[in-house]
PDB file of N, CA and C in Angstrom:
ATOM      1  N   MET A   1       1.085  -1.561  -0.119  1.00  0.00           N
ATOM      2  CA  MET A   1       0.322  -0.047   0.081  1.00  0.00           C
ATOM      3  C   MET A   1       0.687   1.042  -0.033  1.00  0.00           C
ATOM      4  N   SER A   2       0.888   2.260  -0.586  1.00  0.00           N
ATOM      5  CA  SER A   2       1.188   3.379  -0.624  1.00  0.00           C
ATOM      6  C   SER A   2       1.244   4.515   0.341  1.00  0.00           C
ATOM      7  N   ASP A   3       1.328   4.975   0.622  1.00  0.00           N
ATOM      8  CA  ASP A   3       1.146   6.118   2.172  1.00  0.00           C
ATOM      9  C   ASP A   3       0.578   7.379   1.117  1.00  0.00           C
ATOM     10  N   ARG A   4      -0.818   7.652   2.747  1.00  0.00           N
ATOM     11  CA  ARG A   4      -1.567   8.164   2.567  1.00  0.00           C
ATOM     12  C   ARG A   4      -1.520   9.338   3.904  1.00  0.00           C
ATOM     13  N   ASP A   5      -2.260  10.632   3.854  1.00  0.00           N
ATOM     14  CA  ASP A   5      -2.333  11.285   5.098  1.00  0.00           C
ATOM     15  C   ASP A   5      -3.470  13.220   4.649  1.00  0.00           C
ATOM     16  N   VAL A   6      -5.223  11.797   4.753  1.00  0.00           N
ATOM     17  CA  VAL A   6      -6.254  12.034   4.439  1.00  0.00           C
ATOM     18  C   VAL A   6      -6.575  13.291   5.394  1.00  0.00           C
ATOM     19  N   GLU A   7      -7.467  14.146   5.694  1.00  0.00           N
ATOM     20  CA  GLU A   7      -8.147  14.561   6.053  1.00  0.00           C
ATOM     21  C   GLU A   7      -9.722  15.237   5.875  1.00  0.00           C
ATOM     22  N   LYS A   8     -10.433  14.682   6.657  1.00  0.00           N
ATOM     23  CA  LYS A   8     -12.207  15.117   5.364  1.00  0.00           C
ATOM     24  C   LYS A   8     -12.764  15.837   7.588  1.00  0.00           C
ATOM     25  N   ALA A   9     -13.560  16.156   7.126  1.00  0.00           N
ATOM     26  CA  ALA A   9     -14.518  17.292   7.684  1.00  0.00           C
ATOM     27  C   ALA A   9     -16.020  16.532   7.737  1.00  0.00           C
ATOM     28  N   TYR A  10     -16.566  16.024   8.523  1.00  0.00           N
ATOM     29  CA  TYR A  10     -18.587  16.046   7.974  1.00  0.00           C
ATOM     30  C   TYR A  10     -18.924  16.661   8.980  1.00  0.00           C
ATOM     31  N   SER A  11     -19.986  16.532   8.254  1.00  0.00           N
ATOM     32  CA  SER A  11     -21.616  17.651   9.031  1.00  0.00           C
ATOM     33  C   SER A  11     -21.512  16.705  10.966  1.00  0.00           C
ATOM     34  N   ASN A  12     -22.272  17.337  11.498  1.00  0.00           N
ATOM     35  CA  ASN A  12     -22.382  17.002  12.957  1.00  0.00           C
ATOM     36  C   ASN A  12     -23.448  15.337  12.732  1.00  0.00           C
ATOM     37  N   ALA A  13     -24.003  15.620  11.559  1.00  0.00           N
ATOM     38  CA  ALA A  13     -24.880  14.926  12.366  1.00  0.00           C
ATOM     39  C   ALA A  13     -23.969  12.731  11.923  1.00  0.00           C
ATOM     40  N   GLU A  14     -23.715  13.511  10.605  1.00  0.00           N
ATOM     41  CA  GLU A  14     -22.579  12.667   9.769  1.00  0.00           C
ATOM     42  C   GLU A  14     -21.476  11.742  10.908  1.00  0.00           C
ATOM     43  N   ASN A  15     -21.534  12.683  11.786  1.00  0.00           N
ATOM     44  CA  ASN A  15     -20.177  12.132  12.958  1.00  0.00           C
ATOM     45  C   ASN A  15     -20.609  11.520  13.856  1.00  0.00           C
ATOM     46  N   ILE A  16     -22.188  12.171  13.930  1.00  0.00           N
ATOM     47  CA  ILE A  16     -22.016  10.707  15.169  1.00  0.00           C
ATOM     48  C   ILE A  16     -22.981   9.768  15.147  1.00  0.00           C
ATOM     49  N   ARG A  17     -23.372   9.563  12.891  1.00  0.00           N
ATOM     50  CA  ARG A  17     -23.833   8.373  12.993  1.00  0.00           C
ATOM     51  C   ARG A  17     -22.246   7.460  13.460  1.00  0.00           C
ATOM     52  N   LYS A  18     -21.361   7.825  12.072  1.00  0.00           N
ATOM     53  CA  LYS A  18     -19.702   7.516  12.489  1.00  0.00           C
ATOM     54  C   LYS A  18     -19.583   6.802  13.284  1.00  0.00           C
ATOM     55  N   LEU A  19     -18.877   7.737  14.680  1.00  0.00           N
ATOM     56  CA  LEU A  19     -18.840   7.363  16.544  1.00  0.00           C
ATOM     57  C   LEU A  19     -19.726   6.182  16.790  1.00  0.00           C
ATOM     58  N   GLU A  20     -21.918   6.382  16.710  1.00  0.00           N
ATOM     59  CA  GLU A  20     -22.583   5.458  17.143  1.00  0.00           C
ATOM     60  C   GLU A  20     -21.637   3.980  16.511  1.00  0.00           C
ATOM     61  N   ARG A  21     -21.732   4.037  15.401  1.00  0.00           N
ATOM     62  CA  ARG A  21     -21.584   3.373  15.054  1.00  0.00           C
ATOM     63  C   ARG A  21     -19.885   2.115  15.374  1.00  0.00           C
ATOM     64  N   LEU A  22     -19.219   3.131  15.551  1.00  0.00           N
ATOM     65  CA  LEU A  22     -17.701   2.768  16.140  1.00  0.00           C
ATOM     66  C   LEU A  22     -17.681   2.245  17.243  1.00  0.00           C
ATOM     67  N   VAL A  23     -18.826   2.836  18.598  1.00  0.00           N
ATOM     68  CA  VAL A  23     -19.004   2.375  19.672  1.00  0.00           C
ATOM     69  C   VAL A  23     -19.192   0.965  19.603  1.00  0.00           C
ATOM     70  N   ASP A  24     -20.441   1.239  19.389  1.00  0.00           N
ATOM     71  CA  ASP A  24     -21.209  -0.698  19.157  1.00  0.00           C
ATOM     72  C   ASP A  24     -20.389  -1.870  18.638  1.00  0.00           C
ATOM     73  N   CYS A  25     -19.493  -1.068  17.904  1.00  0.00           N
ATOM     74  CA  CYS A  25     -17.870  -2.313  17.086  1.00  0.00           C
ATOM     75  C   CYS A  25     -17.844  -2.493  18.900  1.00  0.00           C
ATOM     76  N   MET A  26     -17.307  -1.005  19.505  1.00  0.00           N
ATOM     77  CA  MET A  26     -15.653  -1.334  20.917  1.00  0.00           C
ATOM     78  C   MET A  26     -17.013  -2.435  21.494  1.00  0.00           C
ATOM     79  N   LYS A  27     -18.154  -1.913  21.431  1.00  0.00           N
ATOM     80  CA  LYS A  27     -18.755  -3.123  22.393  1.00  0.00           C
ATOM     81  C   LYS A  27     -18.812  -4.412  22.117  1.00  0.00           C
ATOM     82  N   THR A  28     -19.215  -4.203  20.791  1.00  0.00           N
ATOM     83  CA  THR A  28     -19.416  -6.060  20.457  1.00  0.00           C
ATOM     84  C   THR A  28     -18.070  -7.093  19.942  1.00  0.00           C
ATOM     85  N   GLY A  29     -16.916  -5.725  20.045  1.00  0.00           N
ATOM     86  CA  GLY A  29     -16.209  -6.547  19.648  1.00  0.00           C
ATOM     87  C   GLY A  29     -15.973  -7.232  18.144  1.00  0.00           C
ATOM     88  N   ARG A  30     -16.267  -5.816  17.926  1.00  0.00           N
ATOM     89  CA  ARG A  30     -16.153  -6.022  16.054  1.00  0.00           C
ATOM     90  C   ARG A  30     -15.626  -5.517  15.450  1.00  0.00           C
ATOM     91  N   PRO A  31     -14.802  -5.742  14.171  1.00  0.00           N
ATOM     92  CA  PRO A  31     -14.313  -4.215  13.714  1.00  0.00           C
ATOM     93  C   PRO A  31     -14.875  -3.630  12.922  1.00  0.00           C
ATOM     94  N   TYR A  32     -13.750  -1.716  12.745  1.00  0.00           N
ATOM     95  CA  TYR A  32     -14.668  -1.496  12.019  1.00  0.00           C
ATOM     96  C   TYR A  32     -14.399  -0.846  11.347  1.00  0.00           C
ATOM     97  N   GLU A  33     -15.767  -0.767  10.070  1.00  0.00           N
ATOM     98  CA  GLU A  33     -15.557  -0.053   9.164  1.00  0.00           C
ATOM     99  C   GLU A  33     -16.059   1.393   8.764  1.00  0.00           C
ATOM    100  N   ILE A  34     -14.895   2.313   7.560  1.00  0.00           N
ATOM    101  CA  ILE A  34     -15.383   2.981   7.503  1.00  0.00           C
ATOM    102  C   ILE A  34     -14.813   3.583   6.405  1.00  0.00           C
ATOM    103  N   GLN A  35     -15.421   4.194   5.523  1.00  0.00           N
ATOM    104  CA  GLN A  35     -14.636   5.075   4.105  1.00  0.00           C
ATOM    105  C   GLN A  35     -14.559   6.445   4.001  1.00  0.00           C
ATOM    106  N   VAL A  36     -13.492   7.226   3.673  1.00  0.00           N
ATOM    107  CA  VAL A  36     -13.230   8.102   4.078  1.00  0.00           C
ATOM    108  C   VAL A  36     -12.316   8.925   2.722  1.00  0.00           C
ATOM    109  N   ALA A  37     -12.367   9.801   1.629  1.00  0.00           N
ATOM    110  CA  ALA A  37     -12.443  10.018   0.791  1.00  0.00           C
ATOM    111  C   ALA A  37     -12.429   9.573  -0.160  1.00  0.00           C
ATOM    112  N   GLY A  38     -13.692   8.136  -0.272  1.00  0.00           N
ATOM    113  CA  GLY A  38     -12.914   6.824  -1.282  1.00  0.00           C
ATOM    114  C   GLY A  38     -12.601   5.323  -1.133  1.00  0.00           C
ATOM    115  N   GLU A  39     -11.666   5.337  -0.424  1.00  0.00           N
ATOM    116  CA  GLU A  39     -11.606   3.913   0.296  1.00  0.00           C
ATOM    117  C   GLU A  39     -11.270   3.658   1.592  1.00  0.00           C
ATOM    118  N   ARG A  40     -11.745   2.096   1.413  1.00  0.00           N
ATOM    119  CA  ARG A  40     -12.494   1.707   2.847  1.00  0.00           C
ATOM    120  C   ARG A  40     -11.891   1.300   3.601  1.00  0.00           C
ATOM    121  N   ILE A  41     -11.665   1.674   4.680  1.00  0.00           N
ATOM    122  CA  ILE A  41     -11.146   1.407   5.790  1.00  0.00           C
ATOM    123  C   ILE A  41     -11.799   0.238   6.625  1.00  0.00           C
ATOM    124  N   TYR A  42     -10.484  -0.964   6.666  1.00  0.00           N
ATOM    125  CA  TYR A  42     -10.501  -1.965   8.312  1.00  0.00           C
ATOM    126  C   TYR A  42     -10.127  -2.560   9.431  1.00  0.00           C
ATOM    127  N   VAL A  43     -10.443  -1.219  10.407  1.00  0.00           N
ATOM    128  CA  VAL A  43     -10.109  -1.355  11.769  1.00  0.00           C
ATOM    129  C   VAL A  43     -10.364  -2.621  12.591  1.00  0.00           C
ATOM    130  N   PRO A  44      -8.718  -3.153  12.642  1.00  0.00           N
ATOM    131  CA  PRO A  44      -9.297  -4.323  13.596  1.00  0.00           C
ATOM    132  C   PRO A  44      -9.613  -3.935  14.661  1.00  0.00           C
ATOM    133  N   VAL A  45      -9.796  -5.291  15.739  1.00  0.00           N
ATOM    134  CA  VAL A  45     -10.224  -4.917  16.897  1.00  0.00           C
ATOM    135  C   VAL A  45      -9.524  -4.550  17.781  1.00  0.00           C
ATOM    136  N   SER A  46      -8.464  -5.373  17.597  1.00  0.00           N
ATOM    137  CA  SER A  46      -6.596  -5.473  17.939  1.00  0.00           C
ATOM    138  C   SER A  46      -5.992  -3.465  17.727  1.00  0.00           C
ATOM    139  N   ALA A  47      -6.770  -2.988  16.863  1.00  0.00           N
ATOM    140  CA  ALA A  47      -6.057  -1.751  17.147  1.00  0.00           C
ATOM    141  C   ALA A  47      -5.944  -1.125  18.211  1.00  0.00           C
ATOM    142  N   GLN A  48      -4.591  -0.344  18.973  1.00  0.00           N
ATOM    143  CA  GLN A  48      -4.486   0.427  19.632  1.00  0.00           C
ATOM    144  C   GLN A  48      -5.466   1.878  19.602  1.00  0.00           C
ATOM    145  N   PHE A  49      -5.651   1.734  20.544  1.00  0.00           N
ATOM    146  CA  PHE A  49      -6.829   3.654  20.121  1.00  0.00           C
ATOM    147  C   PHE A  49      -5.852   4.235  21.668  1.00  0.00           C
ATOM    148  N   SER A  50      -6.110   5.936  20.669  1.00  0.00           N
ATOM    149  CA  SER A  50      -4.931   7.076  21.454  1.00  0.00           C
ATOM    150  C   SER A  50      -5.808   8.124  21.539  1.00  0.00           C
ATOM    151  N   ILE A  51      -6.043   9.343  22.044  1.00  0.00           N
ATOM    152  CA  ILE A  51      -6.404  10.763  22.412  1.00  0.00           C
ATOM    153  C   ILE A  51      -5.318  11.249  22.117  1.00  0.00           C
ATOM    154  N   GLU A  52      -5.313  12.153  20.269  1.00  0.00           N
ATOM    155  CA  GLU A  52      -3.450  12.962  20.778  1.00  0.00           C
ATOM    156  C   GLU A  52      -4.580  14.260  21.150  1.00  0.00           C
ATOM    157  N   HIS A  53      -3.711  15.237  22.664  1.00  0.00           N
ATOM    158  CA  HIS A  53      -4.299  17.431  22.391  1.00  0.00           C
ATOM    159  C   HIS A  53      -3.349  17.414  21.854  1.00  0.00           C
ATOM    160  N   GLU A  54      -3.224  18.864  20.432  1.00  0.00           N
ATOM    161  CA  GLU A  54      -1.853  19.492  20.359  1.00  0.00           C
ATOM    162  C   GLU A  54      -2.518  20.864  20.622  1.00  0.00           C
ATOM    163  N   ARG A  55      -1.861  21.439  21.172  1.00  0.00           N
ATOM    164  CA  ARG A  55      -1.772  22.957  21.007  1.00  0.00           C
ATOM    165  C   ARG A  55      -0.749  24.320  20.505  1.00  0.00           C
ATOM    166  N   GLU A  56      -0.851  24.791  19.004  1.00  0.00           N
ATOM    167  CA  GLU A  56      -0.242  25.329  18.513  1.00  0.00           C
ATOM    168  C   GLU A  56      -0.519  26.928  18.402  1.00  0.00           C
ATOM    169  N   ASP A  57      -0.138  28.134  18.215  1.00  0.00           N
ATOM    170  CA  ASP A  57       0.109  28.906  18.030  1.00  0.00           C
ATOM    171  C   ASP A  57      -1.779  29.575  18.009  1.00  0.00           C
ATOM    172  N   GLY A  58      -2.476  29.802  19.458  1.00  0.00           N
ATOM    173  CA  GLY A  58      -3.514  29.721  19.457  1.00  0.00           C
ATOM    174  C   GLY A  58      -4.484  28.522  19.284  1.00  0.00           C
ATOM    175  N   ALA A  59      -4.669  27.598  17.807  1.00  0.00           N
ATOM    176  CA  ALA A  59      -5.077  26.872  17.593  1.00  0.00           C
ATOM    177  C   ALA A  59      -5.200  25.216  18.359  1.00  0.00           C
ATOM    178  N   GLU A  60      -6.098  24.610  18.844  1.00  0.00           N
ATOM    179  CA  GLU A  60      -6.009  23.607  19.573  1.00  0.00           C
ATOM    180  C   GLU A  60      -6.623  22.207  18.098  1.00  0.00           C
ATOM    181  N   GLU A  61      -5.905  21.422  18.375  1.00  0.00           N
ATOM    182  CA  GLU A  61      -6.438  19.930  18.132  1.00  0.00           C
ATOM    183  C   GLU A  61      -6.778  18.850  18.756  1.00  0.00           C
ATOM    184  N   LEU A  62      -7.874  18.170  18.858  1.00  0.00           N
ATOM    185  CA  LEU A  62      -7.868  16.652  19.933  1.00  0.00           C
ATOM    186  C   LEU A  62      -8.596  15.390  18.363  1.00  0.00           C
ATOM    187  N   GLU A  63      -7.130  14.559  18.243  1.00  0.00           N
ATOM    188  CA  GLU A  63      -7.582  13.405  17.869  1.00  0.00           C
ATOM    189  C   GLU A  63      -7.359  12.093  18.213  1.00  0.00           C
ATOM    190  N   PHE A  64      -8.402  11.779  17.621  1.00  0.00           N
ATOM    191  CA  PHE A  64      -8.990   9.845  19.063  1.00  0.00           C
ATOM    192  C   PHE A  64      -8.429   8.860  17.089  1.00  0.00           C
ATOM    193  N   GLN A  65      -7.371   8.843  17.587  1.00  0.00           N
ATOM    194  CA  GLN A  65      -6.689   7.592  16.676  1.00  0.00           C
ATOM    195  C   GLN A  65      -6.092   6.381  16.901  1.00  0.00           C
ATOM    196  N   PHE A  66      -7.098   5.525  15.902  1.00  0.00           N
ATOM    197  CA  PHE A  66      -6.435   3.808  16.103  1.00  0.00           C
ATOM    198  C   PHE A  66      -5.616   3.515  15.120  1.00  0.00           C
ATOM    199  N   ARG A  67      -4.468   3.049  15.798  1.00  0.00           N
ATOM    200  CA  ARG A  67      -3.341   2.643  15.252  1.00  0.00           C
ATOM    201  C   ARG A  67      -3.039   0.712  15.145  1.00  0.00           C
ATOM    202  N   TRP A  68      -2.795   0.170  14.062  1.00  0.00           N
ATOM    203  CA  TRP A  68      -2.572  -1.392  13.964  1.00  0.00           C
ATOM    204  C   TRP A  68      -1.519  -1.243  12.423  1.00  0.00           C
ATOM    205  N   THR A  69      -1.309  -2.088  12.512  1.00  0.00           N
ATOM    206  CA  THR A  69      -0.416  -3.322  11.439  1.00  0.00           C
ATOM    207  C   THR A  69      -0.869  -4.054  10.813  1.00  0.00           C
ATOM    208  N   ASN A  70      -0.880  -4.081   8.864  1.00  0.00           N
ATOM    209  CA  ASN A  70      -1.174  -5.168   8.998  1.00  0.00           C
ATOM    210  C   ASN A  70      -0.516  -6.175   8.096  1.00  0.00           C
TER     211      ASN A  70
END
């Protein structure tokens, strides 16, 4: 696979639907599937979850991240 770094903004309603599906998958121990900018991503149950906070030049960013290797 080639390297990729994509950021996609969604409406609040879309984010809620995606997060509700994510929570359901985490609660039931199923992999999470999401499409980002035209590519389908499969997040395995074994993926490591972390939360990252960044602050720079008056701007703040909060990221929910999953990391895994194929």
